[in-house]
Each structure stands twice: as C-alpha cells, then as structure tokens.
C-alpha cells in the first residue's frame, strides 16, 4: 500500500512539474533573468542608440515647439513629434519580439534649460546659464537626425528579417524628418 501511494504521488508531482514548464515561460524567464536577446551586435546597438535618442529628441522637440516663435523650428518640432511619437510604440513592439529591453535603462532624459538665477547676495550669481536657442535646436536636430537615419540604414541591411521590415516600414517617415531637419544629402556620395 505504501508503494502504491508513493507511486501515485510521484506521478502527480511529475505531471505537475512538466505541465508548468512551457516554451513561452522559458523564453520569458530567459529575457527576464539573463537579458539574452535574439539579435546580433549591430541590431542591439541599433536599439541602444535609437532607444536613447528618440525619446530625448521627442521631448526636446516638444520643448522647442513650446518656447520658439520661429516657423521653421515649430514645423520641424511638429514633424519630429508626429513621426517619433508614432514610432516609439512600434520600436517597443519589435524590441519585445527580439527580446531586447525597452525602454533603454539609464538613457539621458531631456531637461529644459534652466534660467540664470541670482542668489541673495548681490555679488554672487549661481551659474545655471544654459538657455534655449533656435539655432542650437536646429543644429542639434540636424546632427541627431543624421545619426538616427544612419542606424535605420544599417538595420535595414541586418540579417534579422523583422528588423529589415521594421526599417523599411519607417524609412519614408524618417526621410521626411531627415529633410525637414535640413540635413544635406550628397547624391554622389558612396555609402
């Protein structure tokens, strides 16, 4: 009788153990505990770079649109907000599919420039002298759009088909932002 009871308990315990393990649970635990991704180094760098830059650029464009009176800045900021605002959820979905953590931890968040403030002592001034400038925003946007476009161009040639499709699906919208930022494109350059 004891042997039969032990056998039944072993069968129930074993079946419970095997039923609780599934491939989906294993994949989730792999991402959660080991941070192993399904992409190569170039694609991982794409997610790191673009995942850091796009939220920053989106916040910077929102700030620039709120403080600037220049039509070109407002137009560029609106284009960045439109394209990047819709791109972030897609980027998150693709990152999840290929097991890359998104949003990127430790990414620098945009902070509005502080105004200069005078201390209580008339001879001392605390130096938080950073301020907003339309020219600085346009120059920054031009530089960052070139870097983001380069990352999308690189991932469009990646061996991962999902990433190739993702880059192709968003290439036209990114090209619009690229040109709106005023980036000069050399038609005769060999890339």
Protein backbone atom coordinates (compact mmCIF):
# COMPACT_ATOMS: atom_id res chain seq x y z
CA UNK A 1 0.00 0.00 0.00
CA UNK A 2 2.82 2.39 0.79
CA UNK A 3 4.48 1.72 -2.55
CA UNK A 4 1.27 2.43 -4.46
CA UNK A 5 0.72 5.70 -2.59
CA UNK A 6 4.31 6.77 -3.25
CA UNK A 7 3.92 5.90 -6.94
CA UNK A 8 0.71 7.98 -7.25
CA UNK A 9 2.32 10.97 -5.53
CA UNK A 10 5.36 10.71 -7.83
CA UNK A 11 3.15 10.59 -10.95
CA UNK A 12 1.07 13.58 -9.85
CA UNK A 13 4.17 15.56 -8.87
CA UNK A 14 5.96 14.75 -12.13
CA UNK A 15 2.99 15.64 -14.31
CA UNK A 16 2.56 18.94 -12.44
CA UNK A 17 6.24 19.74 -12.92
CA UNK A 18 6.16 19.07 -16.66
CA UNK A 19 2.85 20.88 -17.16
CA UNK A 20 4.19 24.05 -15.51
CA UNK A 21 7.16 24.28 -17.88
CA UNK A 22 6.36 25.64 -21.30
CA UNK A 23 8.48 27.14 -24.04
CA UNK A 24 6.84 30.54 -23.63
CA UNK A 25 7.58 30.61 -19.90
CA UNK A 26 11.17 29.62 -20.60
CA UNK A 27 11.56 32.45 -23.14
CA UNK A 28 10.07 34.99 -20.72
CA UNK A 29 12.37 33.85 -17.92
CA UNK A 30 15.36 33.92 -20.28
CA UNK A 31 14.70 37.58 -21.10
CA UNK A 32 13.82 38.47 -17.53
CA UNK A 33 16.79 36.87 -15.78
CA UNK A 34 19.59 36.64 -18.33
CA UNK A 35 18.78 39.53 -20.71
CA UNK A 36 19.63 37.32 -23.68
CA UNK A 37 18.35 38.77 -26.94
CA UNK A 38 17.65 37.27 -30.35
CA UNK A 39 19.63 39.88 -32.27
CA UNK A 40 23.24 40.34 -33.24
CA UNK A 41 25.54 43.13 -32.09
CA UNK A 42 24.58 45.62 -34.82
CA UNK A 43 20.88 45.25 -34.10
CA UNK A 44 21.47 45.51 -30.37
CA UNK A 45 23.45 48.72 -30.95
CA UNK A 46 20.54 49.99 -33.07
CA UNK A 47 18.12 49.50 -30.17
CA UNK A 48 20.52 51.11 -27.71
CA UNK A 49 21.24 54.13 -29.89
CA UNK A 50 17.78 54.74 -31.28
CA UNK A 51 16.12 53.83 -28.00
CA UNK A 52 18.13 56.54 -26.24
CA UNK A 53 17.85 59.22 -28.92
CA UNK A 54 14.20 59.07 -29.99
CA UNK A 55 12.61 59.76 -26.57
CA UNK A 56 15.15 62.53 -25.95
CA UNK A 57 14.52 64.11 -29.36
CA UNK A 58 10.76 63.86 -28.87
CA UNK A 59 10.93 65.68 -25.51
CA UNK A 60 13.33 68.29 -26.92
CA UNK A 61 11.03 68.92 -29.89
CA UNK A 62 8.04 69.36 -27.57
CA UNK A 63 10.01 71.88 -25.53
CA UNK A 64 11.27 73.73 -28.62
CA UNK A 65 7.76 73.98 -30.05
CA UNK A 66 6.51 75.47 -26.79
CA UNK A 67 9.17 78.18 -26.43
CA UNK A 68 10.11 79.07 -30.00
CA UNK A 69 8.41 81.59 -32.24
CA UNK A 70 10.34 80.58 -35.37
CA UNK A 71 8.15 78.91 -38.02
CA UNK A 72 10.95 76.56 -39.16
CA UNK A 73 11.55 75.33 -35.61
CA UNK A 74 7.83 74.83 -34.99
CA UNK A 75 7.48 72.94 -38.28
CA UNK A 76 10.46 70.67 -37.56
CA UNK A 77 9.32 70.09 -33.98
CA UNK A 78 5.82 69.16 -35.18
CA UNK A 79 7.30 66.71 -37.70
CA UNK A 80 9.55 65.13 -35.07
CA UNK A 81 6.64 64.81 -32.63
CA UNK A 82 4.43 63.24 -35.31
CA UNK A 83 6.97 60.70 -36.58
CA UNK A 84 8.72 59.80 -33.32
CA UNK A 85 5.52 59.79 -31.30
CA UNK A 86 4.14 57.06 -33.56
CA UNK A 87 7.50 55.28 -33.85
CA UNK A 88 8.06 54.60 -30.14
CA UNK A 89 5.25 52.01 -29.74
CA UNK A 90 6.44 50.17 -32.87
CA UNK A 91 10.02 50.24 -31.62
CA UNK A 92 8.84 48.83 -28.31
CA UNK A 93 6.92 46.03 -30.05
CA UNK A 94 9.86 45.00 -32.21
CA UNK A 95 12.23 45.16 -29.23
CA UNK A 96 9.91 42.87 -27.29
CA UNK A 97 9.73 40.40 -30.19
CA UNK A 98 13.51 40.10 -30.36
CA UNK A 99 13.99 40.13 -26.58
CA UNK A 100 15.70 43.49 -26.16
CA UNK A 101 14.86 45.50 -23.06
CA UNK A 102 12.99 48.66 -23.99
CA UNK A 103 12.90 51.48 -22.95
CA UNK A 104 16.63 51.73 -22.52
CA UNK A 105 17.66 51.93 -18.88
CA UNK A 106 19.91 54.80 -17.97
CA UNK A 107 19.10 56.80 -21.10
CA UNK A 108 19.52 60.52 -20.66
CA UNK A 109 16.18 62.31 -20.34
CA UNK A 110 15.71 65.79 -21.78
CA UNK A 111 15.64 68.56 -19.21
CA UNK A 112 14.62 72.06 -20.13
CA UNK A 113 17.47 74.54 -19.83
CA UNK A 114 17.47 76.40 -16.52
CA UNK A 115 17.29 80.14 -16.40
CA UNK A 116 20.02 82.17 -14.74
CA UNK A 117 19.09 82.84 -11.13
CA UNK A 118 20.55 85.45 -8.82
CA UNK A 119 21.48 84.47 -5.28
CA UNK A 120 20.50 86.51 -2.25
CA UNK A 121 23.99 88.06 -2.20
CA UNK A 122 24.16 90.67 -4.95
CA UNK A 123 27.77 89.80 -5.81
CA UNK A 124 27.19 86.07 -6.23
CA UNK A 125 25.26 84.57 -9.10
CA UNK A 126 24.58 80.89 -9.35
CA UNK A 127 25.64 79.80 -12.76
CA UNK A 128 22.93 77.85 -14.48
CA UNK A 129 23.40 79.79 -17.68
CA UNK A 130 22.15 77.27 -20.21
CA UNK A 131 19.34 78.71 -22.30
CA UNK A 132 17.31 77.76 -25.33
CA UNK A 133 18.26 78.91 -28.82
CA UNK A 134 16.53 78.19 -32.12
CA UNK A 135 19.86 77.86 -33.90
CA UNK A 136 21.13 75.38 -31.31
CA UNK A 137 17.94 73.30 -31.63
CA UNK A 138 18.20 73.23 -35.43
CA UNK A 139 21.87 72.27 -35.33
CA UNK A 140 21.20 69.59 -32.69
CA UNK A 141 18.23 68.22 -34.66
CA UNK A 142 20.26 68.08 -37.88
CA UNK A 143 23.05 66.13 -36.18
CA UNK A 144 20.76 63.70 -34.33
CA UNK A 145 18.54 63.02 -37.34
CA UNK A 146 21.62 62.05 -39.33
CA UNK A 147 22.67 59.61 -36.58
CA UNK A 148 19.18 58.09 -36.29
CA UNK A 149 18.87 57.73 -40.06
CA UNK A 150 22.28 56.04 -40.18
CA UNK A 151 21.16 53.49 -37.59
CA UNK A 152 17.98 52.75 -39.56
CA UNK A 153 20.03 52.38 -42.76
CA UNK A 154 22.34 49.90 -41.01
CA UNK A 155 19.50 47.84 -39.56
CA UNK A 156 17.78 47.71 -42.96
CA UNK A 157 20.71 45.52 -44.06
CA UNK A 158 20.65 43.34 -40.93
CA UNK A 159 20.20 39.59 -41.14
CA UNK A 160 17.06 39.71 -38.98
CA UNK A 161 14.05 39.89 -41.31
CA UNK A 162 11.81 41.53 -38.66
CA UNK A 163 14.26 44.39 -38.30
CA UNK A 164 14.64 44.77 -42.06
CA UNK A 165 10.86 45.07 -42.39
CA UNK A 166 10.69 47.49 -39.45
CA UNK A 167 13.32 49.75 -41.03
CA UNK A 168 11.63 49.59 -44.44
CA UNK A 169 8.21 50.41 -42.96
CA UNK A 170 9.51 53.58 -41.30
CA UNK A 171 12.09 54.69 -43.87
CA UNK A 172 9.83 57.19 -45.63
CA UNK A 173 8.71 58.95 -42.45
CA UNK A 174 12.30 59.15 -41.17
CA UNK A 175 13.41 60.53 -44.54
CA UNK A 176 10.85 63.34 -44.14
CA UNK A 177 12.22 64.25 -40.71
CA UNK A 178 15.76 64.00 -42.10
CA UNK A 179 15.00 66.51 -44.85
CA UNK A 180 12.92 68.75 -42.56
CA UNK A 181 15.95 68.99 -40.26
CA UNK A 182 17.90 70.40 -43.18
CA UNK A 183 20.47 67.64 -43.46
CA UNK A 184 22.40 67.99 -46.68
CA UNK A 185 22.33 64.76 -48.67
CA UNK A 186 25.13 64.22 -51.15
CA UNK A 187 23.64 62.32 -54.09
CA UNK A 188 27.08 61.36 -55.38
CA UNK A 189 28.45 60.06 -52.10
CA UNK A 190 29.34 56.40 -51.93
CA UNK A 191 27.84 54.82 -48.83
